[in-house]
Amino acid sequence: MATASVSFKSREDHRKQLELEEARKAGLAPAEVDEDGNEINPHIPQYMSSAPWYLNAEKPSLKHQRKWKSDPNYTKAWYDRGARLFQANKYRKGACENCGAMTHTKKACMDRPRNVGAKYTNMNIAPDEKVESFELDYDGKRDRWNGYDTSTYTRVIQDYEAREEARKKFLKEQQLKKLEEKDGEQDGENVASEEDEEDGLKIDEAKVDESAQMDFAKVEKRVRTTGGGSTGTVRNLRIREDTAKYLLNLDVNSAYYDPKTRSMREDPLPDADPNDKFYVGDNQNRLSGQALEFKQLNVHAWEAFDKGQDFHMQAAPSQAELLYKSFKIKKEKLKSESKDKIMEKYGNAASDEPIPRELFLGQSEKEIEYDRTGRIIKGQDVALPKSKYEEDVLINNHTTVWGSWWKDHQWGYKCCKQTIKNSYCTGLAGIEAAEASADLMRENMARKEAAEEEPVRQEEKKLATWGTDIPQDLVLDQKLLEESLKKEAKRKKEEMDERKRKYNVKWNDEVTAEDMEAYRMTRVRHDDPMKDFLN
């Protein structure tokens, strides 16, 4: 944020300041206001918003980012060229000896040198020039176009236009002359070729006057505008009286209009009559005509590239379009073949052939008589439709089919209560064995849970090497004890001389009984009166 000056803040104040800045960025807190009452954008970085210390800014502001050193003496005016002031009748003392003007001397005079100067003739005294002095700023001093009169460029435009008009006139005369010669040579021929027809059209176009071309090439000059120039009128534009598409529906929840790209994808009036609408959204152009075909071509190129086809839509568009056309031909061919196979197998319901009466609602003229128990007395029973799956087929000694038993979201056999489809039927013995194994598993799980609830307490063993009483049966290895003594001596030597200590220190906290014995043997006991006689 725009802070006045850098001052010490406590940790709590700094945290509150950060929270306030985050709230301002999220729009939860009002923005900071500067001295003039203008809101400061909370997204401005700190290195831009913080004022330098030497400005002594007491309040937050962004004035240090603006041009705060302004000099009102700078001007953008320029010299009044050719301006004249007073014109005297006789020579004045101190004036130019050549022309008689008071604004310059003879050495700086720009007029033609006279044989006898105005000082001696008192005739044709030149008027005084208008002398001006400006204090220009840095850019004004280096502006190469400062004081340029734009009206002088109209002469350059007139020269170019005259040259272009003369060139067009010359080319038109040459074209007419050439085409008339060709027409004279081909008067005897009855059949005209395509080139002759084109030449005839060119003659007609060349003979048409420019004023009769419905203002297609109308050019209006802008003389009083900056830089002069010309402007051309373009026809067939949108009628300006038409309603803009963002004004068709003023509801804020209607189709979204993007002012940057001037696009409105959705239909602003979806409920209106399609015959009365002249605009239905930009998506209509994207989902119709050649745009949809181009989209399908791109999708086909992507899918083909993913499947191993080595071509690219942007790199080889002709190849991609050719492959897409061949793909559509093959697709239509396969589609027609599959259609013919289906019609050959199941028939065509849309054909003109009559449908048998037996197929209407499953009715027929066959008479079937039943007795009270449901048995057939006369006629033939209706055949039930067969399924494509095998029914009532028992395998692996099972007496029931697969799926006759359900338990714990699993299908199985009811005869042996097994959930494996290819299993062999074990009958009642298998059911009893499965129940016994399930009971045994439950008992084992319960025993395991009970054992986990009461963990076995283990007694902690105290090592004798950490200051406790040394057991009587402790046996030390002499070789390890000698190595421990050498290691202890080396360690003490390094402690006495810091230069021999290595940079990388390896720490090992494993202490053996021999290391502890070596430490006891070599340590210095300050309360021992005979300590000086040990070494």
Protein backbone atom coordinates (compact mmCIF):
# COMPACT_ATOMS: atom_id res chain seq x y z
CA MET A 1 0.00 0.00 0.00
CA ALA A 2 0.95 3.64 -0.31
CA THR A 3 2.70 4.27 2.96
CA ALA A 4 3.93 7.59 4.21
CA SER A 5 7.32 6.61 5.54
CA VAL A 6 9.05 3.52 6.77
CA SER A 7 8.65 3.21 10.54
CA PHE A 8 9.15 0.41 13.00
CA LYS A 9 6.12 -1.81 13.57
CA SER A 10 5.62 -4.57 16.01
CA ARG A 11 4.85 -8.09 14.90
CA GLU A 12 1.18 -7.70 15.78
CA ASP A 13 0.87 -4.40 13.90
CA HIS A 14 2.63 -5.90 10.89
CA ARG A 15 0.25 -8.87 10.91
CA LYS A 16 -2.78 -6.56 11.11
CA GLN A 17 -1.40 -4.50 8.23
CA LEU A 18 -1.02 -7.62 6.07
CA GLU A 19 -4.56 -8.77 6.90
CA LEU A 20 -5.91 -5.33 6.01
CA GLU A 21 -4.09 -5.38 2.67
CA GLU A 22 -5.45 -8.83 1.84
CA ALA A 23 -8.97 -7.71 2.73
CA ARG A 24 -8.60 -4.66 0.49
CA LYS A 25 -7.38 -6.81 -2.40
CA ALA A 26 -10.33 -9.17 -1.93
CA GLY A 27 -12.78 -6.25 -1.82
CA LEU A 28 -13.84 -6.90 1.78
CA ALA A 29 -12.41 -3.63 3.10
CA PRO A 30 -12.60 -0.13 1.55
CA ALA A 31 -9.59 1.04 -0.42
CA GLU A 32 -7.10 3.48 1.03
CA VAL A 33 -7.62 7.16 0.26
CA ASP A 34 -4.84 9.65 -0.52
CA GLU A 35 -4.60 13.35 0.37
CA ASP A 36 -6.85 14.45 -2.50
CA GLY A 37 -9.59 11.95 -1.63
CA ASN A 38 -8.80 9.53 -4.48
CA GLU A 39 -8.86 5.81 -3.83
CA ILE A 40 -5.54 3.95 -4.15
CA ASN A 41 -5.59 0.67 -6.02
CA PRO A 42 -4.73 -2.08 -3.49
CA HIS A 43 -3.06 -4.20 -6.19
CA ILE A 44 -0.25 -1.66 -6.76
CA PRO A 45 3.08 -3.22 -5.65
CA GLN A 46 4.77 -1.85 -2.58
CA TYR A 47 7.89 -0.74 -4.41
CA MET A 48 5.70 1.56 -6.52
CA SER A 49 3.30 2.75 -3.85
CA SER A 50 5.82 3.52 -1.08
CA ALA A 51 7.18 7.05 -1.21
CA PRO A 52 10.94 7.75 -0.90
CA TRP A 53 12.18 8.71 2.53
CA TYR A 54 13.48 12.11 1.45
CA LEU A 55 9.98 13.33 0.49
CA ASN A 56 8.83 13.12 4.12
CA ALA A 57 5.33 12.05 3.12
CA GLU A 58 3.08 12.05 6.18
CA LYS A 59 -0.01 10.57 4.50
CA PRO A 60 -0.38 7.82 1.88
CA SER A 61 -0.24 9.20 -1.64
CA LEU A 62 0.85 8.42 -5.18
CA LYS A 63 2.08 11.91 -6.01
CA HIS A 64 5.67 10.69 -6.13
CA GLN A 65 4.73 8.60 -9.18
CA ARG A 66 3.39 11.62 -11.04
CA LYS A 67 5.18 14.62 -12.49
CA TRP A 68 5.24 16.74 -9.37
CA LYS A 69 8.03 19.06 -10.57
CA SER A 70 6.13 21.24 -13.04
CA ASP A 71 7.57 24.37 -14.67
CA PRO A 72 4.87 26.73 -16.00
CA ASN A 73 7.41 28.66 -18.12
CA TYR A 74 7.68 25.86 -20.68
CA THR A 75 5.63 26.42 -23.81
CA LYS A 76 4.81 24.55 -26.99
CA ALA A 77 4.40 27.64 -29.17
CA TRP A 78 6.60 28.37 -32.16
CA TYR A 79 7.88 31.33 -34.10
CA ASP A 80 5.45 33.35 -36.21
CA ARG A 81 7.15 32.91 -39.53
CA GLY A 82 7.15 35.86 -41.92
CA ALA A 83 5.52 38.20 -39.42
CA ARG A 84 6.44 41.88 -39.84
CA LEU A 85 6.11 44.75 -37.40
CA PHE A 86 6.80 48.45 -37.96
CA GLN A 87 8.12 49.72 -41.31
CA ALA A 88 10.01 53.02 -41.16
CA ASN A 89 10.20 55.70 -43.88
CA LYS A 90 13.80 56.62 -43.33
CA TYR A 91 16.94 55.06 -41.94
CA ARG A 92 17.28 54.88 -38.15
CA LYS A 93 20.46 54.89 -36.18
CA GLY A 94 21.58 51.36 -35.23
CA ALA A 95 19.55 49.71 -37.99
CA CYS A 96 20.85 47.35 -40.67
CA GLU A 97 22.97 49.28 -43.15
CA ASN A 98 21.79 47.02 -46.02
CA CYS A 99 17.97 46.87 -45.63
CA GLY A 100 17.24 49.34 -42.81
CA ALA A 101 15.51 46.92 -40.35
CA MET A 102 16.17 47.43 -36.64
CA THR A 103 16.00 43.75 -35.70
CA HIS A 104 19.37 42.67 -37.12
CA THR A 105 22.73 43.97 -38.26
CA LYS A 106 24.32 44.07 -41.68
CA LYS A 107 26.31 40.91 -40.97
CA ALA A 108 23.15 38.89 -40.17
CA CYS A 109 21.00 40.40 -42.94
CA MET A 110 19.29 37.83 -45.15
CA ASP A 111 18.29 40.24 -47.96
CA ARG A 112 20.13 40.63 -51.22
CA PRO A 113 23.21 42.87 -50.77
CA ARG A 114 22.45 46.26 -52.30
CA ASN A 115 24.94 48.31 -54.26
CA VAL A 116 24.10 51.29 -52.09
CA GLY A 117 22.63 50.42 -48.72
CA ALA A 118 19.52 51.89 -47.16
CA LYS A 119 21.73 53.84 -44.78
CA TYR A 120 22.77 56.11 -47.64
CA THR A 121 19.67 56.06 -49.88
CA ASN A 122 16.84 56.17 -47.27
CA MET A 123 14.75 54.19 -49.75
CA ASN A 124 12.99 50.79 -49.58
CA ILE A 125 13.40 50.46 -45.83
CA ALA A 126 12.62 46.86 -44.88
CA PRO A 127 10.06 46.28 -42.07
CA ASP A 128 11.20 45.00 -38.69
CA GLU A 129 10.89 41.24 -38.13
CA LYS A 130 8.95 39.82 -35.20
CA VAL A 131 11.58 38.52 -32.78
CA GLU A 132 10.38 35.95 -30.28
CA SER A 133 12.10 33.82 -27.63
CA PHE A 134 10.68 30.64 -26.11
CA GLU A 135 11.75 28.51 -23.18
CA LEU A 136 11.23 24.96 -24.42
CA ASP A 137 11.38 21.81 -22.36
CA TYR A 138 13.54 18.77 -23.06
CA ASP A 139 11.21 17.28 -25.67
CA GLY A 140 10.43 20.59 -27.27
CA LYS A 141 14.09 21.30 -27.98
CA ARG A 142 14.52 17.92 -29.71
CA ASP A 143 11.22 17.80 -31.62
CA ARG A 144 12.14 17.73 -35.30
CA TRP A 145 8.55 18.52 -36.34
CA ASN A 146 8.10 21.46 -34.01
CA GLY A 147 6.72 24.42 -35.96
CA TYR A 148 5.87 22.36 -39.05
CA ASP A 149 2.93 23.71 -41.03
CA THR A 150 0.75 20.77 -42.08
CA SER A 151 -1.04 22.77 -44.77
CA THR A 152 2.13 22.73 -46.89
CA TYR A 153 1.77 18.97 -47.38
CA THR A 154 -1.36 19.46 -49.49
CA ARG A 155 0.89 20.54 -52.36
CA VAL A 156 2.66 17.15 -52.23
CA ILE A 157 -0.72 15.37 -52.30
CA GLN A 158 -1.89 17.44 -55.25
CA ASP A 159 1.26 16.54 -57.19
CA TYR A 160 0.76 12.82 -56.55
CA GLU A 161 -2.95 12.98 -57.47
CA ALA A 162 -2.23 14.82 -60.71
CA ARG A 163 0.44 12.27 -61.60
CA GLU A 164 -1.90 9.35 -60.84
CA GLU A 165 -4.72 10.88 -62.88
CA ALA A 166 -2.44 11.40 -65.88
CA ARG A 167 -1.21 7.81 -65.64
CA LYS A 168 -4.75 6.40 -65.55
CA LYS A 169 -5.76 8.54 -68.51
CA PHE A 170 -2.78 7.36 -70.53
CA LEU A 171 -3.39 3.68 -69.69
CA LYS A 172 -7.07 3.97 -70.62
CA GLU A 173 -6.22 5.47 -74.00
CA GLN A 174 -3.68 2.72 -74.67
CA GLN A 175 -6.17 0.01 -73.67
CA LEU A 176 -8.94 1.40 -75.90
CA LYS A 177 -6.57 1.70 -78.83
CA LYS A 178 -5.32 -1.88 -78.42
CA LEU A 179 -8.79 -3.40 -78.05
CA GLU A 180 -10.18 -1.49 -81.07
CA GLU A 181 -7.38 -2.89 -83.21
CA LYS A 182 -8.26 -6.43 -82.08
CA ASP A 183 -11.95 -5.87 -82.86
CA GLY A 184 -11.08 -4.66 -86.36
CA GLU A 185 -9.04 -7.77 -87.06
CA GLN A 186 -11.77 -10.19 -85.86
CA ASP A 187 -14.84 -8.63 -87.58
CA GLY A 188 -15.04 -11.50 -90.12
CA GLU A 189 -15.15 -14.27 -87.53
CA ASN A 190 -18.58 -15.50 -86.36
CA VAL A 191 -17.50 -17.43 -83.28
CA ALA A 192 -15.78 -15.45 -80.58
CA SER A 193 -13.44 -17.08 -78.14
CA GLU A 194 -13.36 -16.56 -74.42
CA GLU A 195 -10.56 -14.03 -74.79
CA ASP A 196 -12.67 -11.95 -77.20
CA GLU A 197 -15.54 -11.91 -74.72
CA GLU A 198 -13.22 -10.74 -71.98
CA ASP A 199 -11.81 -8.06 -74.27
CA GLY A 200 -15.33 -6.88 -75.07
CA LEU A 201 -16.07 -6.61 -71.36
CA LYS A 202 -12.87 -4.64 -70.91
CA ILE A 203 -13.91 -2.25 -73.70
CA ASP A 204 -17.27 -1.66 -72.04
CA GLU A 205 -15.61 -1.05 -68.69
CA ALA A 206 -13.10 1.30 -70.27
CA LYS A 207 -15.80 3.28 -72.06
CA VAL A 208 -17.86 3.77 -68.92
CA ASP A 209 -17.48 7.23 -67.50
CA GLU A 210 -16.23 7.52 -63.96
CA SER A 211 -19.23 9.65 -63.00
CA ALA A 212 -21.60 6.79 -63.93
CA GLN A 213 -20.08 4.21 -61.55
CA MET A 214 -22.54 4.87 -58.69
CA ASP A 215 -19.95 6.60 -56.49
CA PHE A 216 -17.94 3.39 -56.00
CA ALA A 217 -14.69 5.27 -56.50
CA LYS A 218 -15.83 8.53 -55.00
CA VAL A 219 -13.06 10.36 -53.18
CA GLU A 220 -13.67 13.33 -50.95
CA LYS A 221 -10.78 15.63 -50.11
CA ARG A 222 -10.20 16.86 -46.59
CA VAL A 223 -8.44 20.16 -47.02
CA ARG A 224 -8.95 21.63 -43.56
CA THR A 225 -8.02 18.50 -41.64
CA THR A 226 -4.63 17.83 -40.11
CA GLY A 227 -2.38 16.60 -42.86
CA GLY A 228 -4.96 17.00 -45.61
CA GLY A 229 -5.40 13.67 -47.36
CA SER A 230 -8.52 12.03 -48.73
CA THR A 231 -11.18 9.61 -47.70
CA GLY A 232 -13.05 7.00 -49.73
CA THR A 233 -16.70 6.07 -49.32
CA VAL A 234 -17.50 2.37 -48.88
CA ARG A 235 -20.94 0.99 -49.78
CA ASN A 236 -22.97 -1.97 -48.47
CA LEU A 237 -22.26 -1.23 -44.82
CA ARG A 238 -24.72 -2.10 -42.07
CA ILE A 239 -27.58 0.35 -41.98
CA ARG A 240 -26.96 2.63 -39.04
CA GLU A 241 -30.65 2.62 -38.13
CA ASP A 242 -30.48 -1.09 -37.27
CA THR A 243 -30.57 -1.90 -33.57
CA ALA A 244 -27.23 -3.02 -32.16
CA LYS A 245 -27.19 -6.61 -30.93
CA TYR A 246 -26.38 -5.59 -27.36
CA LEU A 247 -29.57 -3.48 -27.30
CA LEU A 248 -31.93 -6.25 -28.43
CA ASN A 249 -32.44 -7.49 -24.88
CA LEU A 250 -31.58 -5.19 -21.99
CA ASP A 251 -32.04 -7.86 -19.34
CA VAL A 252 -28.81 -8.32 -17.34
CA ASN A 253 -29.35 -12.09 -17.28
CA SER A 254 -29.71 -12.38 -21.05
CA ALA A 255 -26.99 -13.32 -23.54
CA TYR A 256 -23.55 -12.00 -22.59
CA TYR A 257 -21.97 -9.37 -24.86
CA ASP A 258 -18.19 -9.05 -24.89
CA PRO A 259 -17.33 -5.43 -25.76
CA LYS A 260 -13.69 -6.20 -26.48
CA THR A 261 -14.34 -8.74 -29.26
CA ARG A 262 -17.87 -7.41 -30.05
CA SER A 263 -19.24 -10.93 -29.86
CA MET A 264 -22.50 -12.31 -28.46
CA ARG A 265 -22.48 -16.08 -28.70
CA GLU A 266 -25.97 -16.86 -27.43
CA ASP A 267 -29.32 -15.77 -28.82
CA PRO A 268 -30.46 -12.55 -27.09
CA LEU A 269 -34.14 -13.31 -27.88
CA PRO A 270 -34.58 -17.10 -27.60
CA ASP A 271 -38.37 -16.93 -27.15
CA ALA A 272 -39.09 -14.64 -30.09
CA ASP A 273 -40.43 -15.76 -33.45
CA PRO A 274 -37.55 -16.98 -35.69
CA ASN A 275 -39.15 -15.32 -38.70
CA ASP A 276 -38.99 -11.90 -37.03
CA LYS A 277 -35.38 -12.16 -35.85
CA PHE A 278 -32.46 -10.97 -37.94
CA TYR A 279 -29.79 -11.95 -35.34
CA VAL A 280 -29.70 -15.28 -33.49
CA GLY A 281 -26.20 -15.14 -31.95
CA ASP A 282 -22.69 -15.79 -33.17
CA ASN A 283 -22.97 -19.52 -32.43
CA GLN A 284 -25.31 -19.83 -35.42
CA ASN A 285 -22.36 -19.07 -37.71
CA ARG A 286 -20.08 -21.45 -35.84
CA LEU A 287 -22.52 -24.39 -35.98
CA SER A 288 -23.68 -24.11 -39.56
CA GLY A 289 -22.30 -24.08 -43.08
CA GLN A 290 -18.63 -24.61 -43.78
CA ALA A 291 -17.65 -23.76 -40.20
CA LEU A 292 -19.17 -27.04 -38.98
CA GLU A 293 -17.47 -29.00 -41.76
CA PHE A 294 -14.13 -27.43 -40.90
CA LYS A 295 -14.66 -28.31 -37.24
CA GLN A 296 -15.38 -31.94 -38.14
CA LEU A 297 -12.26 -31.98 -40.32
CA ASN A 298 -10.14 -30.79 -37.38
CA VAL A 299 -11.63 -33.41 -35.06
CA HIS A 300 -10.93 -36.14 -37.61
CA ALA A 301 -7.32 -34.95 -37.97
CA TRP A 302 -6.79 -35.04 -34.18
CA GLU A 303 -8.30 -38.50 -33.79
CA ALA A 304 -6.33 -39.87 -36.74
CA PHE A 305 -3.08 -38.45 -35.36
CA ASP A 306 -3.77 -40.07 -31.98
CA LYS A 307 -4.30 -43.42 -33.71
CA GLY A 308 -0.97 -43.31 -35.55
CA GLN A 309 -1.67 -41.43 -38.80
CA ASP A 310 1.31 -39.19 -39.59
CA PHE A 311 -0.28 -35.99 -40.89
CA HIS A 312 -1.15 -32.56 -39.52
CA MET A 313 -4.05 -30.28 -40.33
CA GLN A 314 -2.02 -27.04 -40.36
CA ALA A 315 1.08 -28.54 -41.96
CA ALA A 316 -0.68 -30.44 -44.78
CA PRO A 317 -4.30 -29.25 -45.11
CA SER A 318 -4.80 -30.78 -48.56
CA GLN A 319 -3.68 -34.21 -47.36
CA ALA A 320 -5.93 -33.95 -44.29
CA GLU A 321 -8.97 -33.02 -46.41
CA LEU A 322 -8.30 -35.85 -48.87
CA LEU A 323 -8.02 -38.40 -46.06
CA TYR A 324 -11.21 -37.06 -44.50
CA LYS A 325 -13.09 -37.48 -47.78
CA SER A 326 -11.83 -41.06 -48.18
CA PHE A 327 -12.79 -41.72 -44.55
CA LYS A 328 -16.36 -40.53 -45.17
CA ILE A 329 -16.65 -42.70 -48.29
CA LYS A 330 -15.46 -45.79 -46.40
CA LYS A 331 -17.76 -44.98 -43.49
CA GLU A 332 -20.80 -44.70 -45.75
CA LYS A 333 -19.83 -47.95 -47.45
CA LEU A 334 -19.55 -49.83 -44.15
CA LYS A 335 -22.80 -48.30 -42.95
CA SER A 336 -24.65 -49.44 -46.07
CA GLU A 337 -23.17 -52.94 -45.81
CA SER A 338 -24.23 -53.32 -42.17
CA LYS A 339 -27.70 -52.01 -43.06
CA ASP A 340 -28.05 -54.58 -45.85
CA LYS A 341 -26.99 -57.39 -43.51
CA ILE A 342 -29.53 -56.36 -40.86
CA MET A 343 -32.31 -56.06 -43.43
CA GLU A 344 -31.39 -59.43 -44.91
CA LYS A 345 -31.48 -61.05 -41.47
CA TYR A 346 -34.49 -59.34 -39.86
CA GLY A 347 -36.34 -57.92 -42.85
CA ASN A 348 -37.41 -54.41 -43.67
CA ALA A 349 -40.44 -53.06 -41.84
CA ALA A 350 -40.59 -50.03 -44.16
CA SER A 351 -41.02 -52.16 -47.29
CA ASP A 352 -44.30 -52.66 -49.14
CA GLU A 353 -44.48 -56.39 -48.38
CA PRO A 354 -47.49 -57.35 -46.18
CA ILE A 355 -46.78 -58.41 -42.62
CA PRO A 356 -48.09 -61.86 -41.59
CA ARG A 357 -51.12 -61.79 -39.34
CA GLU A 358 -49.41 -64.08 -36.84
CA LEU A 359 -47.06 -61.24 -35.94
CA PHE A 360 -49.84 -58.78 -35.02
CA LEU A 361 -50.02 -58.88 -31.18
CA GLY A 362 -49.09 -62.58 -31.26
CA GLN A 363 -52.58 -63.60 -32.48
CA SER A 364 -53.46 -66.50 -34.78
CA GLU A 365 -56.52 -68.51 -35.88
CA LYS A 366 -55.31 -71.75 -34.27
CA GLU A 367 -57.74 -73.06 -31.63
CA ILE A 368 -56.46 -74.68 -28.44
CA GLU A 369 -58.73 -76.31 -25.79
CA TYR A 370 -57.72 -76.80 -22.11
CA ASP A 371 -59.35 -78.80 -19.31
CA ARG A 372 -59.92 -77.62 -15.73
CA THR A 373 -56.43 -78.59 -14.65
CA GLY A 374 -54.81 -76.64 -17.50
CA ARG A 375 -53.84 -79.55 -19.70
CA ILE A 376 -54.23 -79.30 -23.46
CA ILE A 377 -57.14 -81.30 -24.92
CA LYS A 378 -57.12 -80.08 -28.52
CA GLY A 379 -54.55 -78.18 -30.50
CA GLN A 380 -50.88 -77.46 -29.97
CA ASP A 381 -49.35 -75.52 -27.08
CA VAL A 382 -47.78 -72.14 -27.78
CA ALA A 383 -44.02 -72.43 -27.91
CA LEU A 384 -42.31 -70.24 -25.36
CA PRO A 385 -39.54 -68.00 -26.69
CA LYS A 386 -36.10 -69.38 -25.98
CA SER A 387 -33.32 -67.36 -24.48
CA LYS A 388 -29.86 -67.15 -26.00
CA TYR A 389 -28.45 -68.25 -22.62
CA GLU A 390 -28.37 -71.89 -21.51
CA GLU A 391 -31.12 -72.79 -19.06
CA ASP A 392 -31.45 -75.69 -16.59
CA VAL A 393 -27.90 -76.87 -17.31
CA LEU A 394 -26.33 -78.38 -14.13
CA ILE A 395 -22.56 -78.71 -13.94
CA ASN A 396 -20.00 -80.09 -11.47
CA ASN A 397 -22.50 -82.34 -9.63
CA HIS A 398 -24.67 -79.34 -8.61
CA THR A 399 -28.41 -79.89 -8.16
CA THR A 400 -29.28 -76.20 -8.57
CA VAL A 401 -28.21 -73.55 -11.09
CA TRP A 402 -25.80 -70.70 -10.50
CA GLY A 403 -27.60 -67.70 -8.98
CA SER A 404 -30.11 -69.68 -6.93
CA TRP A 405 -28.53 -68.45 -3.66
CA TRP A 406 -27.63 -64.94 -2.46
CA LYS A 407 -25.65 -63.87 0.61
CA ASP A 408 -23.48 -60.88 1.48
CA HIS A 409 -23.88 -59.33 -1.99
CA GLN A 410 -22.65 -62.53 -3.71
CA TRP A 411 -24.41 -65.09 -5.91
CA GLY A 412 -23.91 -68.80 -5.46
CA TYR A 413 -25.38 -72.32 -5.52
CA LYS A 414 -28.23 -73.15 -3.15
CA CYS A 415 -27.31 -76.83 -2.93
CA CYS A 416 -23.87 -76.29 -1.33
CA LYS A 417 -23.90 -72.50 -0.63
CA GLN A 418 -20.69 -71.87 -2.56
CA THR A 419 -20.00 -68.50 -4.23
CA ILE A 420 -17.41 -69.76 -6.74
CA LYS A 421 -19.06 -70.53 -10.08
CA ASN A 422 -16.67 -73.28 -11.22
CA SER A 423 -16.53 -75.01 -7.83
CA TYR A 424 -17.48 -78.71 -7.30
CA CYS A 425 -20.61 -79.41 -5.29
CA THR A 426 -19.91 -80.75 -1.79
CA GLY A 427 -23.51 -80.96 -0.54
CA LEU A 428 -24.41 -80.76 3.16
CA ALA A 429 -20.90 -81.80 4.26
CA GLY A 430 -19.50 -78.73 2.50
CA ILE A 431 -22.03 -76.47 4.20
CA GLU A 432 -21.14 -77.84 7.64
CA ALA A 433 -17.39 -77.53 6.95
CA ALA A 434 -17.84 -73.93 5.77
CA GLU A 435 -19.80 -73.05 8.93
CA ALA A 436 -17.14 -74.68 11.15
CA SER A 437 -14.32 -72.79 9.43
CA ALA A 438 -16.28 -69.54 9.77
CA ASP A 439 -16.78 -70.16 13.51
CA LEU A 440 -13.09 -70.96 13.94
CA MET A 441 -12.11 -67.79 12.11
CA ARG A 442 -14.38 -65.69 14.32
CA GLU A 443 -12.85 -67.25 17.47
CA ASN A 444 -9.32 -66.57 16.23
CA MET A 445 -10.20 -62.96 15.45
CA ALA A 446 -11.73 -62.48 18.88
CA ARG A 447 -8.66 -64.01 20.55
CA LYS A 448 -6.38 -61.73 18.52
CA GLU A 449 -8.35 -58.64 19.47
CA ALA A 450 -8.22 -59.61 23.16
CA ALA A 451 -4.44 -60.10 22.93
CA GLU A 452 -3.97 -56.70 21.31
CA GLU A 453 -5.96 -55.00 24.07
CA GLU A 454 -3.58 -56.31 26.83
CA PRO A 455 0.01 -55.88 25.64
CA VAL A 456 2.75 -57.83 27.40
CA ARG A 457 4.83 -55.65 29.66
CA GLN A 458 8.54 -56.02 29.15
CA GLU A 459 11.03 -55.14 31.85
CA GLU A 460 13.50 -52.48 30.85
CA LYS A 461 17.06 -53.60 31.08
CA LYS A 462 19.43 -51.02 32.53
CA LEU A 463 22.87 -51.11 31.02
CA ALA A 464 25.77 -51.14 33.39
CA THR A 465 27.71 -48.68 31.21
CA TRP A 466 25.63 -45.59 32.10
CA GLY A 467 26.63 -44.91 35.66
CA THR A 468 24.91 -47.87 37.34
CA ASP A 469 26.60 -50.48 39.51
CA ILE A 470 28.88 -52.78 37.57
CA PRO A 471 27.78 -56.40 37.83
CA GLN A 472 30.22 -58.87 39.19
CA ASP A 473 30.00 -61.18 36.16
CA LEU A 474 30.98 -58.51 33.65
CA VAL A 475 33.83 -59.72 31.41
CA LEU A 476 35.71 -57.23 29.24
CA ASP A 477 37.46 -58.06 26.00
CA GLN A 478 41.12 -56.98 26.25
CA LYS A 479 41.51 -56.21 22.53
CA LEU A 480 38.37 -54.07 22.46
CA LEU A 481 39.48 -52.38 25.67
CA GLU A 482 42.84 -51.46 24.10
CA GLU A 483 41.12 -50.03 21.03
CA SER A 484 38.78 -48.03 23.26
CA LEU A 485 41.75 -46.63 25.21
CA LYS A 486 43.42 -45.52 21.96
CA LYS A 487 40.19 -43.98 20.76
CA GLU A 488 39.74 -42.08 24.06
CA ALA A 489 43.31 -40.79 23.93
CA LYS A 490 42.81 -39.57 20.39
CA ARG A 491 39.59 -37.82 21.37
CA LYS A 492 41.24 -35.99 24.25
CA LYS A 493 44.10 -34.95 21.99
CA GLU A 494 41.65 -33.45 19.53
CA GLU A 495 39.90 -31.59 22.34
CA MET A 496 43.23 -30.06 23.37
CA ASP A 497 44.16 -29.02 19.83
CA GLU A 498 41.27 -27.48 17.89
CA ARG A 499 43.23 -27.48 14.61
CA LYS A 500 43.13 -31.29 14.33
CA ARG A 501 39.37 -31.40 14.55
CA LYS A 502 37.84 -32.38 11.20
CA TYR A 503 35.19 -30.35 9.41
CA ASN A 504 32.65 -33.16 9.09
CA VAL A 505 31.95 -34.62 12.53
CA LYS A 506 30.45 -38.11 12.67
CA TRP A 507 28.46 -38.75 15.81
CA ASN A 508 27.91 -42.20 17.22
CA ASP A 509 25.91 -42.68 20.42
CA GLU A 510 26.55 -46.41 20.76
CA VAL A 511 28.70 -46.91 23.86
CA THR A 512 30.00 -50.36 24.72
CA ALA A 513 31.21 -51.65 28.07
CA GLU A 514 34.85 -51.38 26.90
CA ASP A 515 34.32 -47.70 25.90
CA MET A 516 32.89 -46.94 29.35
CA GLU A 517 35.77 -48.70 31.08
CA ALA A 518 38.30 -46.77 28.96
CA TYR A 519 36.60 -43.51 29.93
CA ARG A 520 36.75 -44.40 33.65
CA MET A 521 40.41 -45.36 33.42
CA THR A 522 41.51 -42.17 31.62
CA ARG A 523 39.33 -39.50 33.19
CA VAL A 524 40.89 -36.95 35.55
CA ARG A 525 39.70 -37.01 39.16
CA HIS A 526 40.23 -33.57 40.59
CA ASP A 527 39.56 -34.71 44.17
CA ASP A 528 42.31 -37.34 44.03
CA PRO A 529 45.44 -36.13 45.91
CA MET A 530 47.63 -38.46 43.82
CA LYS A 531 46.33 -37.24 40.41
CA ASP A 532 49.61 -35.43 39.60
CA PHE A 533 51.60 -38.66 39.95
CA LEU A 534 49.53 -40.66 37.48
CA ASN A 535 51.15 -39.29 34.31
